[in-house]
Amino acid sequence: MTEVTEIALLHLRKDVDLEDDSSVALQTWRKAIGIVSSRLGFKDQFWGLRLEDKTQLVWTLDWDSVDKHKEFINHEDYKPFVAELAQVFDFDAHPPFLTHIAFTSADSLKAARSAPAALDNGSSGVAMGWYLEDDVESSEGKKVTALQALLGWESVEQHMALRNKPEFAEVVKPVRAIQAKGRDDMGMFHAKLRK
């Protein structure tokens, strides 16, 4: 199988602060990252809080294959890993959203995740890939084939300035026509990713 990126969308527990370098929650989070980073088949990871709602975290993890990720899930290290995560994230009120994506280019994925490094249009890179799971549902309850796009930007303001141009509206019109409606986990958001 080819290299894949797992995307996890997680909700923080109340009063958890991952932006405070001295917080116990951040130390616990780093410990969990250390556990997964040591697994055979793990390649890299980036994470960041959603700028529109800092109670939500997006985590991208690169694996040699989906099978390598599944081996970790079935390994004895997985239970302590989830226990660490459960101290930081509220799995009861907000079950995590997890998926695997086969991005078309490792280089474009790297560029998109490591903004700022702007291209002519203001973005630092665009990475696109198809969801590998076939159980994605639209808000209407229909099975859909989902496409994920990651775009790196110098800033949110730069993205919004481009978004407000009339020519941008024309370019994204066909995309918005097929976008799954009512799916918070599949919509557009901003996050400043870090290792």
N, C-alpha and C. Protein backbone atom coordinates (compact mmCIF):
# COMPACT_ATOMS: atom_id res chain seq x y z
N MET A 1 0.83 -1.20 0.00
CA MET A 1 0.00 0.00 0.00
C MET A 1 0.87 1.25 0.00
N THR A 2 0.33 2.35 -0.49
CA THR A 2 1.10 3.59 -0.58
C THR A 2 1.06 4.37 0.73
N GLU A 3 1.96 5.36 0.82
CA GLU A 3 2.00 6.23 1.98
C GLU A 3 0.66 6.96 2.14
N VAL A 4 0.21 7.09 3.38
CA VAL A 4 -1.07 7.73 3.65
C VAL A 4 -0.91 8.74 4.79
N THR A 5 -1.85 9.66 4.84
CA THR A 5 -1.93 10.62 5.92
C THR A 5 -3.23 10.38 6.67
N GLU A 6 -3.10 10.16 7.96
CA GLU A 6 -4.28 10.07 8.83
C GLU A 6 -4.60 11.48 9.28
N ILE A 7 -5.86 11.84 9.22
CA ILE A 7 -6.30 13.13 9.75
C ILE A 7 -7.25 12.85 10.90
N ALA A 8 -6.93 13.45 12.05
CA ALA A 8 -7.76 13.31 13.23
C ALA A 8 -8.23 14.69 13.65
N LEU A 9 -9.54 14.82 13.88
CA LEU A 9 -10.11 16.05 14.42
C LEU A 9 -10.59 15.73 15.82
N LEU A 10 -10.03 16.44 16.80
CA LEU A 10 -10.25 16.13 18.22
C LEU A 10 -10.72 17.37 18.97
N HIS A 11 -11.56 17.17 19.99
CA HIS A 11 -12.07 18.27 20.81
C HIS A 11 -11.39 18.25 22.18
N LEU A 12 -10.85 19.39 22.57
CA LEU A 12 -10.19 19.49 23.88
C LEU A 12 -11.19 19.39 25.01
N ARG A 13 -10.72 18.84 26.14
CA ARG A 13 -11.50 18.89 27.37
C ARG A 13 -11.59 20.35 27.82
N LYS A 14 -12.59 20.65 28.64
CA LYS A 14 -12.72 22.01 29.17
C LYS A 14 -11.48 22.36 29.98
N ASP A 15 -11.07 23.59 29.90
CA ASP A 15 -9.93 24.14 30.64
C ASP A 15 -8.58 23.56 30.24
N VAL A 16 -8.50 22.88 29.10
CA VAL A 16 -7.20 22.38 28.61
C VAL A 16 -6.61 23.47 27.73
N ASP A 17 -5.33 23.76 27.97
CA ASP A 17 -4.63 24.80 27.21
C ASP A 17 -3.36 24.20 26.60
N LEU A 18 -3.37 24.00 25.30
CA LEU A 18 -2.19 23.46 24.62
C LEU A 18 -1.27 24.57 24.10
N GLU A 19 -1.62 25.82 24.38
CA GLU A 19 -0.77 26.93 23.96
C GLU A 19 0.13 27.41 25.09
N ASP A 20 -0.04 26.86 26.29
CA ASP A 20 0.79 27.20 27.44
C ASP A 20 1.88 26.14 27.57
N ASP A 21 3.13 26.53 27.31
CA ASP A 21 4.25 25.59 27.33
C ASP A 21 4.44 24.91 28.67
N SER A 22 3.93 25.49 29.74
CA SER A 22 4.12 24.90 31.07
C SER A 22 2.94 24.03 31.51
N SER A 23 1.92 23.90 30.67
CA SER A 23 0.73 23.17 31.09
C SER A 23 0.96 21.66 31.12
N VAL A 24 0.32 21.01 32.06
CA VAL A 24 0.36 19.55 32.17
C VAL A 24 -0.26 18.94 30.92
N ALA A 25 -1.30 19.56 30.40
CA ALA A 25 -1.97 19.04 29.20
C ALA A 25 -1.01 19.00 28.02
N LEU A 26 -0.20 20.04 27.84
CA LEU A 26 0.75 20.05 26.74
C LEU A 26 1.82 18.97 26.93
N GLN A 27 2.26 18.76 28.15
CA GLN A 27 3.23 17.70 28.43
C GLN A 27 2.62 16.33 28.13
N THR A 28 1.37 16.14 28.49
CA THR A 28 0.67 14.88 28.22
C THR A 28 0.51 14.69 26.71
N TRP A 29 0.14 15.74 26.01
CA TRP A 29 0.00 15.70 24.56
C TRP A 29 1.32 15.33 23.90
N ARG A 30 2.42 15.94 24.37
CA ARG A 30 3.73 15.61 23.81
C ARG A 30 4.12 14.16 24.09
N LYS A 31 3.71 13.65 25.23
CA LYS A 31 3.99 12.25 25.55
C LYS A 31 3.24 11.34 24.57
N ALA A 32 1.99 11.67 24.28
CA ALA A 32 1.21 10.88 23.32
C ALA A 32 1.85 10.94 21.94
N ILE A 33 2.30 12.12 21.54
CA ILE A 33 2.99 12.26 20.25
C ILE A 33 4.25 11.39 20.24
N GLY A 34 4.96 11.34 21.36
CA GLY A 34 6.15 10.51 21.45
C GLY A 34 5.84 9.03 21.28
N ILE A 35 4.72 8.59 21.85
CA ILE A 35 4.33 7.18 21.73
C ILE A 35 4.08 6.83 20.27
N VAL A 36 3.27 7.62 19.59
CA VAL A 36 2.94 7.30 18.20
C VAL A 36 4.17 7.48 17.29
N SER A 37 5.01 8.45 17.60
CA SER A 37 6.18 8.72 16.76
C SER A 37 7.19 7.58 16.78
N SER A 38 7.15 6.77 17.82
CA SER A 38 8.11 5.67 17.95
C SER A 38 7.68 4.41 17.20
N ARG A 39 6.49 4.41 16.65
CA ARG A 39 5.96 3.21 16.00
C ARG A 39 6.58 2.98 14.63
N LEU A 40 6.83 1.73 14.32
CA LEU A 40 7.31 1.33 13.01
C LEU A 40 6.25 1.70 11.97
N GLY A 41 6.66 2.36 10.92
CA GLY A 41 5.72 2.77 9.88
C GLY A 41 5.24 4.20 10.02
N PHE A 42 5.48 4.80 11.20
CA PHE A 42 5.14 6.21 11.39
C PHE A 42 6.21 7.06 10.71
N LYS A 43 5.80 8.15 10.03
CA LYS A 43 6.76 8.97 9.29
C LYS A 43 6.87 10.39 9.85
N ASP A 44 5.74 11.05 10.08
CA ASP A 44 5.78 12.46 10.50
C ASP A 44 4.41 12.86 11.01
N GLN A 45 4.35 14.02 11.68
CA GLN A 45 3.08 14.51 12.18
C GLN A 45 3.13 16.02 12.32
N PHE A 46 1.97 16.64 12.16
CA PHE A 46 1.77 18.06 12.39
C PHE A 46 0.44 18.22 13.11
N TRP A 47 0.35 19.23 13.97
CA TRP A 47 -0.91 19.47 14.66
C TRP A 47 -1.11 20.97 14.87
N GLY A 48 -2.36 21.35 15.07
CA GLY A 48 -2.67 22.74 15.36
C GLY A 48 -4.12 22.89 15.77
N LEU A 49 -4.38 23.95 16.52
CA LEU A 49 -5.74 24.26 16.92
C LEU A 49 -6.44 24.98 15.77
N ARG A 50 -7.72 24.71 15.63
CA ARG A 50 -8.50 25.44 14.63
C ARG A 50 -8.60 26.89 15.08
N LEU A 51 -8.27 27.81 14.23
CA LEU A 51 -8.26 29.22 14.62
C LEU A 51 -9.66 29.75 14.86
N GLU A 52 -10.64 29.20 14.20
CA GLU A 52 -12.03 29.63 14.39
C GLU A 52 -12.64 29.07 15.67
N ASP A 53 -12.07 28.01 16.20
CA ASP A 53 -12.57 27.38 17.43
C ASP A 53 -11.42 26.63 18.09
N LYS A 54 -10.76 27.27 19.04
CA LYS A 54 -9.55 26.70 19.64
C LYS A 54 -9.83 25.56 20.62
N THR A 55 -11.06 25.08 20.65
CA THR A 55 -11.35 23.86 21.41
C THR A 55 -11.21 22.63 20.52
N GLN A 56 -10.92 22.85 19.24
CA GLN A 56 -10.77 21.75 18.28
C GLN A 56 -9.34 21.72 17.75
N LEU A 57 -8.83 20.51 17.62
CA LEU A 57 -7.47 20.31 17.15
C LEU A 57 -7.48 19.44 15.91
N VAL A 58 -6.65 19.80 14.94
CA VAL A 58 -6.46 18.96 13.75
C VAL A 58 -5.06 18.37 13.86
N TRP A 59 -4.97 17.07 13.60
CA TRP A 59 -3.70 16.35 13.71
C TRP A 59 -3.52 15.55 12.44
N THR A 60 -2.41 15.76 11.75
CA THR A 60 -2.12 14.97 10.56
C THR A 60 -0.93 14.08 10.87
N LEU A 61 -1.08 12.79 10.59
CA LEU A 61 -0.03 11.81 10.86
C LEU A 61 0.25 11.03 9.58
N ASP A 62 1.51 11.00 9.18
CA ASP A 62 1.90 10.28 7.97
C ASP A 62 2.37 8.88 8.35
N TRP A 63 1.89 7.90 7.60
CA TRP A 63 2.21 6.49 7.80
C TRP A 63 2.72 5.90 6.50
N ASP A 64 3.53 4.86 6.61
CA ASP A 64 3.95 4.12 5.42
C ASP A 64 2.73 3.56 4.68
N SER A 65 1.71 3.14 5.46
CA SER A 65 0.50 2.56 4.88
C SER A 65 -0.59 2.54 5.94
N VAL A 66 -1.82 2.33 5.50
CA VAL A 66 -2.93 2.14 6.44
C VAL A 66 -2.65 0.93 7.32
N ASP A 67 -2.06 -0.11 6.74
CA ASP A 67 -1.76 -1.32 7.50
C ASP A 67 -0.83 -1.04 8.67
N LYS A 68 0.15 -0.16 8.48
CA LYS A 68 1.07 0.20 9.59
C LYS A 68 0.31 0.92 10.70
N HIS A 69 -0.64 1.77 10.33
CA HIS A 69 -1.46 2.43 11.34
C HIS A 69 -2.30 1.39 12.08
N LYS A 70 -2.88 0.46 11.36
CA LYS A 70 -3.69 -0.59 11.99
C LYS A 70 -2.85 -1.47 12.91
N GLU A 71 -1.59 -1.72 12.53
CA GLU A 71 -0.70 -2.48 13.42
C GLU A 71 -0.53 -1.76 14.75
N PHE A 72 -0.40 -0.45 14.71
CA PHE A 72 -0.29 0.33 15.94
C PHE A 72 -1.57 0.21 16.76
N ILE A 73 -2.73 0.30 16.11
CA ILE A 73 -4.01 0.18 16.81
C ILE A 73 -4.10 -1.16 17.53
N ASN A 74 -3.53 -2.21 16.95
CA ASN A 74 -3.60 -3.55 17.54
C ASN A 74 -2.42 -3.86 18.47
N HIS A 75 -1.51 -2.91 18.65
CA HIS A 75 -0.32 -3.11 19.48
C HIS A 75 -0.62 -2.77 20.94
N GLU A 76 0.15 -3.35 21.85
CA GLU A 76 -0.04 -3.09 23.29
C GLU A 76 0.20 -1.62 23.67
N ASP A 77 0.95 -0.88 22.86
CA ASP A 77 1.19 0.54 23.13
C ASP A 77 -0.03 1.42 22.86
N TYR A 78 -1.01 0.89 22.14
CA TYR A 78 -2.14 1.72 21.73
C TYR A 78 -3.02 2.12 22.92
N LYS A 79 -3.26 1.20 23.83
CA LYS A 79 -4.12 1.50 24.98
C LYS A 79 -3.54 2.63 25.84
N PRO A 80 -2.24 2.59 26.20
CA PRO A 80 -1.67 3.72 26.95
C PRO A 80 -1.69 5.02 26.14
N PHE A 81 -1.53 4.92 24.83
CA PHE A 81 -1.59 6.09 23.97
C PHE A 81 -2.97 6.74 24.06
N VAL A 82 -4.02 5.96 23.93
CA VAL A 82 -5.39 6.49 24.01
C VAL A 82 -5.66 7.04 25.41
N ALA A 83 -5.11 6.40 26.44
CA ALA A 83 -5.28 6.90 27.81
C ALA A 83 -4.65 8.29 27.97
N GLU A 84 -3.50 8.49 27.35
CA GLU A 84 -2.87 9.82 27.38
C GLU A 84 -3.76 10.84 26.66
N LEU A 85 -4.24 10.47 25.48
CA LEU A 85 -5.10 11.37 24.72
C LEU A 85 -6.38 11.71 25.48
N ALA A 86 -6.94 10.74 26.18
CA ALA A 86 -8.20 10.95 26.90
C ALA A 86 -8.06 11.96 28.05
N GLN A 87 -6.83 12.23 28.48
CA GLN A 87 -6.62 13.26 29.50
C GLN A 87 -6.71 14.66 28.89
N VAL A 88 -6.53 14.74 27.60
CA VAL A 88 -6.50 16.03 26.91
C VAL A 88 -7.78 16.27 26.10
N PHE A 89 -8.32 15.21 25.51
CA PHE A 89 -9.47 15.34 24.61
C PHE A 89 -10.71 14.70 25.19
N ASP A 90 -11.86 15.28 24.87
CA ASP A 90 -13.15 14.81 25.38
C ASP A 90 -13.78 13.85 24.37
N PHE A 91 -13.42 12.58 24.49
CA PHE A 91 -13.93 11.57 23.56
C PHE A 91 -15.39 11.22 23.82
N ASP A 92 -15.88 11.44 25.05
CA ASP A 92 -17.27 11.10 25.37
C ASP A 92 -18.25 12.07 24.72
N ALA A 93 -18.03 13.36 24.90
CA ALA A 93 -18.94 14.35 24.33
C ALA A 93 -18.70 14.56 22.83
N HIS A 94 -17.46 14.34 22.39
CA HIS A 94 -17.11 14.59 20.99
C HIS A 94 -16.23 13.46 20.47
N PRO A 95 -16.82 12.38 19.98
CA PRO A 95 -15.99 11.31 19.41
C PRO A 95 -15.10 11.86 18.31
N PRO A 96 -13.86 11.39 18.24
CA PRO A 96 -12.95 11.92 17.22
C PRO A 96 -13.38 11.55 15.82
N PHE A 97 -13.06 12.43 14.88
CA PHE A 97 -13.24 12.13 13.46
C PHE A 97 -11.87 11.71 12.95
N LEU A 98 -11.77 10.52 12.37
CA LEU A 98 -10.51 9.99 11.86
C LEU A 98 -10.71 9.51 10.43
N THR A 99 -9.73 9.77 9.59
CA THR A 99 -9.78 9.26 8.23
C THR A 99 -8.35 9.13 7.69
N HIS A 100 -8.22 8.39 6.62
CA HIS A 100 -6.94 8.23 5.92
C HIS A 100 -7.08 8.83 4.53
N ILE A 101 -6.03 9.53 4.11
CA ILE A 101 -6.06 10.20 2.82
C ILE A 101 -4.79 9.87 2.05
N ALA A 102 -4.96 9.58 0.78
CA ALA A 102 -3.81 9.36 -0.11
C ALA A 102 -3.59 10.66 -0.88
N PHE A 103 -2.70 11.50 -0.36
CA PHE A 103 -2.40 12.75 -1.06
C PHE A 103 -1.59 12.44 -2.32
N THR A 104 -1.77 13.28 -3.32
CA THR A 104 -1.16 13.01 -4.62
C THR A 104 0.34 13.26 -4.63
N SER A 105 0.85 14.08 -3.70
CA SER A 105 2.27 14.40 -3.71
C SER A 105 2.76 14.69 -2.30
N ALA A 106 3.81 14.00 -1.88
CA ALA A 106 4.40 14.26 -0.56
C ALA A 106 5.00 15.66 -0.51
N ASP A 107 5.56 16.13 -1.61
CA ASP A 107 6.15 17.47 -1.65
C ASP A 107 5.10 18.56 -1.48
N SER A 108 3.95 18.41 -2.17
CA SER A 108 2.91 19.43 -2.04
C SER A 108 2.29 19.39 -0.65
N LEU A 109 2.20 18.21 -0.05
CA LEU A 109 1.69 18.11 1.32
C LEU A 109 2.63 18.82 2.28
N LYS A 110 3.92 18.62 2.11
CA LYS A 110 4.91 19.29 2.95
C LYS A 110 4.81 20.81 2.81
N ALA A 111 4.69 21.29 1.60
CA ALA A 111 4.59 22.73 1.36
C ALA A 111 3.32 23.31 1.97
N ALA A 112 2.21 22.60 1.85
CA ALA A 112 0.94 23.10 2.39
C ALA A 112 0.98 23.16 3.91
N ARG A 113 1.64 22.18 4.54
CA ARG A 113 1.67 22.14 6.01
C ARG A 113 2.72 23.05 6.62
N SER A 114 3.64 23.58 5.82
CA SER A 114 4.72 24.37 6.40
C SER A 114 4.66 25.84 6.00
N ALA A 115 3.46 26.39 5.86
CA ALA A 115 3.30 27.82 5.57
C ALA A 115 3.93 28.60 6.71
N PRO A 116 4.45 29.81 6.51
CA PRO A 116 4.38 30.57 5.28
C PRO A 116 5.59 30.35 4.37
N ALA A 117 5.31 30.20 3.11
CA ALA A 117 6.32 30.12 2.04
C ALA A 117 5.56 30.36 0.75
N ALA A 118 5.07 31.55 0.57
CA ALA A 118 4.02 31.85 -0.39
C ALA A 118 4.41 31.64 -1.85
N LEU A 119 3.43 31.17 -2.62
CA LEU A 119 3.50 31.10 -4.07
C LEU A 119 2.90 32.39 -4.63
N ASP A 120 2.82 32.50 -5.95
CA ASP A 120 2.30 33.71 -6.57
C ASP A 120 0.87 34.05 -6.13
N ASN A 121 0.05 33.05 -5.89
CA ASN A 121 -1.34 33.33 -5.52
C ASN A 121 -1.50 33.57 -4.02
N GLY A 122 -0.41 33.58 -3.27
CA GLY A 122 -0.49 33.81 -1.83
C GLY A 122 -0.48 32.55 -1.01
N SER A 123 -0.78 31.43 -1.62
CA SER A 123 -0.75 30.18 -0.85
C SER A 123 0.65 29.60 -0.89
N SER A 124 0.97 28.80 0.12
CA SER A 124 2.31 28.22 0.18
C SER A 124 2.36 26.84 -0.44
N GLY A 125 1.23 26.33 -0.78
CA GLY A 125 1.18 25.00 -1.38
C GLY A 125 -0.22 24.44 -1.30
N VAL A 126 -0.51 23.55 -2.19
CA VAL A 126 -1.81 22.90 -2.21
C VAL A 126 -1.58 21.40 -2.28
N ALA A 127 -2.21 20.68 -1.38
CA ALA A 127 -2.15 19.21 -1.40
C ALA A 127 -3.58 18.69 -1.47
N MET A 128 -3.80 17.74 -2.35
CA MET A 128 -5.13 17.15 -2.49
C MET A 128 -5.02 15.64 -2.48
N GLY A 129 -6.04 15.00 -1.93
CA GLY A 129 -6.05 13.55 -1.92
C GLY A 129 -7.44 13.02 -1.59
N TRP A 130 -7.65 11.78 -1.97
CA TRP A 130 -8.95 11.12 -1.75
C TRP A 130 -8.98 10.40 -0.42
N TYR A 131 -10.12 10.45 0.25
CA TYR A 131 -10.33 9.64 1.45
C TYR A 131 -10.24 8.18 1.03
N LEU A 132 -9.60 7.37 1.85
CA LEU A 132 -9.49 5.95 1.56
C LEU A 132 -10.67 5.16 2.13
N GLU A 133 -11.32 5.70 3.15
CA GLU A 133 -12.51 5.06 3.70
C GLU A 133 -13.70 5.35 2.81
N ASP A 134 -14.59 4.39 2.70
CA ASP A 134 -15.76 4.58 1.84
C ASP A 134 -17.03 4.78 2.64
N ASP A 135 -16.90 5.12 3.92
CA ASP A 135 -18.08 5.28 4.76
C ASP A 135 -18.42 6.74 5.06
N VAL A 136 -17.94 7.67 4.23
CA VAL A 136 -18.21 9.09 4.42
C VAL A 136 -19.63 9.36 3.94
N GLU A 137 -20.39 10.08 4.78
CA GLU A 137 -21.76 10.41 4.43
C GLU A 137 -21.93 11.91 4.32
N SER A 138 -22.76 12.32 3.39
CA SER A 138 -23.12 13.74 3.28
C SER A 138 -24.16 14.04 4.35
N SER A 139 -24.52 15.32 4.49
CA SER A 139 -25.54 15.69 5.47
C SER A 139 -26.89 15.10 5.10
N GLU A 140 -27.05 14.72 3.82
CA GLU A 140 -28.30 14.09 3.38
C GLU A 140 -28.29 12.58 3.63
N GLY A 141 -27.21 12.06 4.21
CA GLY A 141 -27.12 10.64 4.52
C GLY A 141 -26.67 9.78 3.35
N LYS A 142 -26.20 10.39 2.28
CA LYS A 142 -25.74 9.63 1.11
C LYS A 142 -24.25 9.34 1.24
N LYS A 143 -23.84 8.16 0.78
CA LYS A 143 -22.41 7.82 0.72
C LYS A 143 -21.75 8.68 -0.34
N VAL A 144 -20.61 9.25 0.01
CA VAL A 144 -19.91 10.11 -0.93
C VAL A 144 -18.44 9.72 -0.99
N THR A 145 -17.81 10.05 -2.10
CA THR A 145 -16.37 9.92 -2.25
C THR A 145 -15.80 11.28 -1.90
N ALA A 146 -14.99 11.35 -0.85
CA ALA A 146 -14.54 12.64 -0.35
C ALA A 146 -13.12 12.96 -0.82
N LEU A 147 -12.93 14.21 -1.15
CA LEU A 147 -11.63 14.74 -1.55
C LEU A 147 -11.21 15.76 -0.50
N GLN A 148 -9.99 15.65 -0.03
CA GLN A 148 -9.45 16.58 0.98
C GLN A 148 -8.44 17.50 0.31
N ALA A 149 -8.50 18.77 0.64
CA ALA A 149 -7.51 19.73 0.16
C ALA A 149 -6.91 20.45 1.35
N LEU A 150 -5.59 20.56 1.36
CA LEU A 150 -4.89 21.36 2.36
C LEU A 150 -4.19 22.48 1.61
N LEU A 151 -4.42 23.71 2.05
CA LEU A 151 -3.78 24.87 1.44
C LEU A 151 -3.03 25.63 2.52
N GLY A 152 -1.78 25.92 2.25
CA GLY A 152 -1.00 26.72 3.18
C GLY A 152 -1.09 28.19 2.79
N TRP A 153 -1.21 29.06 3.78
CA TRP A 153 -1.32 30.49 3.54
C TRP A 153 -0.36 31.24 4.44
N GLU A 154 0.07 32.43 4.00
CA GLU A 154 0.87 33.31 4.85
C GLU A 154 0.08 33.69 6.10
N SER A 155 -1.22 33.94 5.92
CA SER A 155 -2.07 34.36 7.03
C SER A 155 -3.53 34.11 6.66
N VAL A 156 -4.39 34.11 7.66
CA VAL A 156 -5.82 34.00 7.42
C VAL A 156 -6.29 35.20 6.61
N GLU A 157 -5.75 36.37 6.93
CA GLU A 157 -6.14 37.60 6.24
C GLU A 157 -5.84 37.50 4.74
N GLN A 158 -4.70 36.93 4.41
CA GLN A 158 -4.34 36.78 3.00
C GLN A 158 -5.33 35.85 2.29
N HIS A 159 -5.70 34.76 2.95
CA HIS A 159 -6.68 33.85 2.37
C HIS A 159 -8.02 34.55 2.18
N MET A 160 -8.47 35.27 3.19
CA MET A 160 -9.77 35.92 3.12
C MET A 160 -9.78 37.02 2.05
N ALA A 161 -8.66 37.72 1.87
CA ALA A 161 -8.58 38.75 0.83
C ALA A 161 -8.75 38.13 -0.55
N LEU A 162 -8.10 36.99 -0.78
CA LEU A 162 -8.27 36.30 -2.06
C LEU A 162 -9.69 35.78 -2.21
N ARG A 163 -10.22 35.27 -1.13
CA ARG A 163 -11.57 34.70 -1.15
C ARG A 163 -12.64 35.74 -1.50
N ASN A 164 -12.37 37.00 -1.18
CA ASN A 164 -13.33 38.06 -1.45
C ASN A 164 -13.26 38.61 -2.87
N LYS A 165 -12.33 38.13 -3.66
CA LYS A 165 -12.23 38.59 -5.05
C LYS A 165 -13.28 37.87 -5.91
N PRO A 166 -13.89 38.59 -6.87
CA PRO A 166 -14.93 37.97 -7.71
C PRO A 166 -14.44 36.75 -8.48
N GLU A 167 -13.20 36.77 -8.96
CA GLU A 167 -12.70 35.63 -9.74
C GLU A 167 -12.57 34.37 -8.87
N PHE A 168 -12.32 34.55 -7.57
CA PHE A 168 -12.25 33.40 -6.67
C PHE A 168 -13.62 32.73 -6.56
N ALA A 169 -14.66 33.54 -6.47
CA ALA A 169 -16.02 32.99 -6.37
C ALA A 169 -16.34 32.11 -7.57
N GLU A 170 -15.88 32.51 -8.74
CA GLU A 170 -16.13 31.72 -9.95
C GLU A 170 -15.37 30.40 -9.93
N VAL A 171 -14.14 30.44 -9.43
CA VAL A 171 -13.31 29.24 -9.38
C VAL A 171 -13.88 28.21 -8.41
N VAL A 172 -14.35 28.66 -7.25
CA VAL A 172 -14.81 27.71 -6.23
C VAL A 172 -16.29 27.34 -6.36
N LYS A 173 -17.00 28.01 -7.26
CA LYS A 173 -18.43 27.73 -7.43
C LYS A 173 -18.71 26.24 -7.65
N PRO A 174 -18.00 25.57 -8.59
CA PRO A 174 -18.29 24.14 -8.79
C PRO A 174 -17.92 23.27 -7.58
N VAL A 175 -16.91 23.69 -6.83
CA VAL A 175 -16.51 22.93 -5.64
C VAL A 175 -17.59 23.05 -4.57
N ARG A 176 -18.08 24.26 -4.35
CA ARG A 176 -19.12 24.46 -3.35
C ARG A 176 -20.41 23.74 -3.72
N ALA A 177 -20.66 23.58 -5.00
CA ALA A 177 -21.87 22.89 -5.45
C ALA A 177 -21.87 21.42 -5.04
N ILE A 178 -20.68 20.81 -4.92
CA ILE A 178 -20.62 19.40 -4.57
C ILE A 178 -20.14 19.16 -3.15
N GLN A 179 -19.84 20.22 -2.41
CA GLN A 179 -19.35 20.08 -1.03
C GLN A 179 -20.44 19.49 -0.15
N ALA A 180 -20.05 18.56 0.71
CA ALA A 180 -21.00 17.98 1.66
C ALA A 180 -21.48 19.09 2.59
N LYS A 181 -22.77 19.21 2.76
CA LYS A 181 -23.35 20.27 3.58
C LYS A 181 -23.53 19.77 5.02
N GLY A 182 -23.34 20.68 5.97
CA GLY A 182 -23.65 20.37 7.36
C GLY A 182 -22.66 19.46 8.05
N ARG A 183 -21.49 19.25 7.48
CA ARG A 183 -20.48 18.41 8.09
C ARG A 183 -19.36 19.29 8.61
N ASP A 184 -19.35 19.57 9.90
CA ASP A 184 -18.33 20.43 10.50
C ASP A 184 -16.94 19.85 10.27
N ASP A 185 -16.83 18.52 10.30
CA ASP A 185 -15.52 17.89 10.15
C ASP A 185 -15.02 17.92 8.71
N MET A 186 -15.85 18.28 7.76
CA MET A 186 -15.44 18.28 6.36
C MET A 186 -15.40 19.69 5.77
N GLY A 187 -15.74 20.70 6.54
CA GLY A 187 -15.79 22.05 6.03
C GLY A 187 -14.43 22.74 6.06
N MET A 188 -14.42 23.97 5.62
CA MET A 188 -13.20 24.77 5.58
C MET A 188 -12.92 25.35 6.96
N PHE A 189 -11.65 25.31 7.35
CA PHE A 189 -11.21 25.97 8.58
C PHE A 189 -9.73 26.28 8.45
N HIS A 190 -9.23 27.07 9.40
CA HIS A 190 -7.82 27.45 9.43
C HIS A 190 -7.18 26.85 10.67
N ALA A 191 -5.94 26.45 10.53
CA ALA A 191 -5.14 25.96 11.67
C ALA A 191 -3.67 26.23 11.36
N LYS A 192 -2.96 26.71 12.36
CA LYS A 192 -1.52 26.89 12.20
C LYS A 192 -0.86 25.60 12.70
N LEU A 193 -0.33 24.83 11.76
CA LEU A 193 0.22 23.53 12.11
C LEU A 193 1.65 23.64 12.58
N ARG A 194 1.99 22.78 13.52
CA ARG A 194 3.36 22.70 14.03
C ARG A 194 3.68 21.25 14.32
N LYS A 195 4.96 20.98 14.52
CA LYS A 195 5.40 19.62 14.84
C LYS A 195 5.29 19.37 16.32
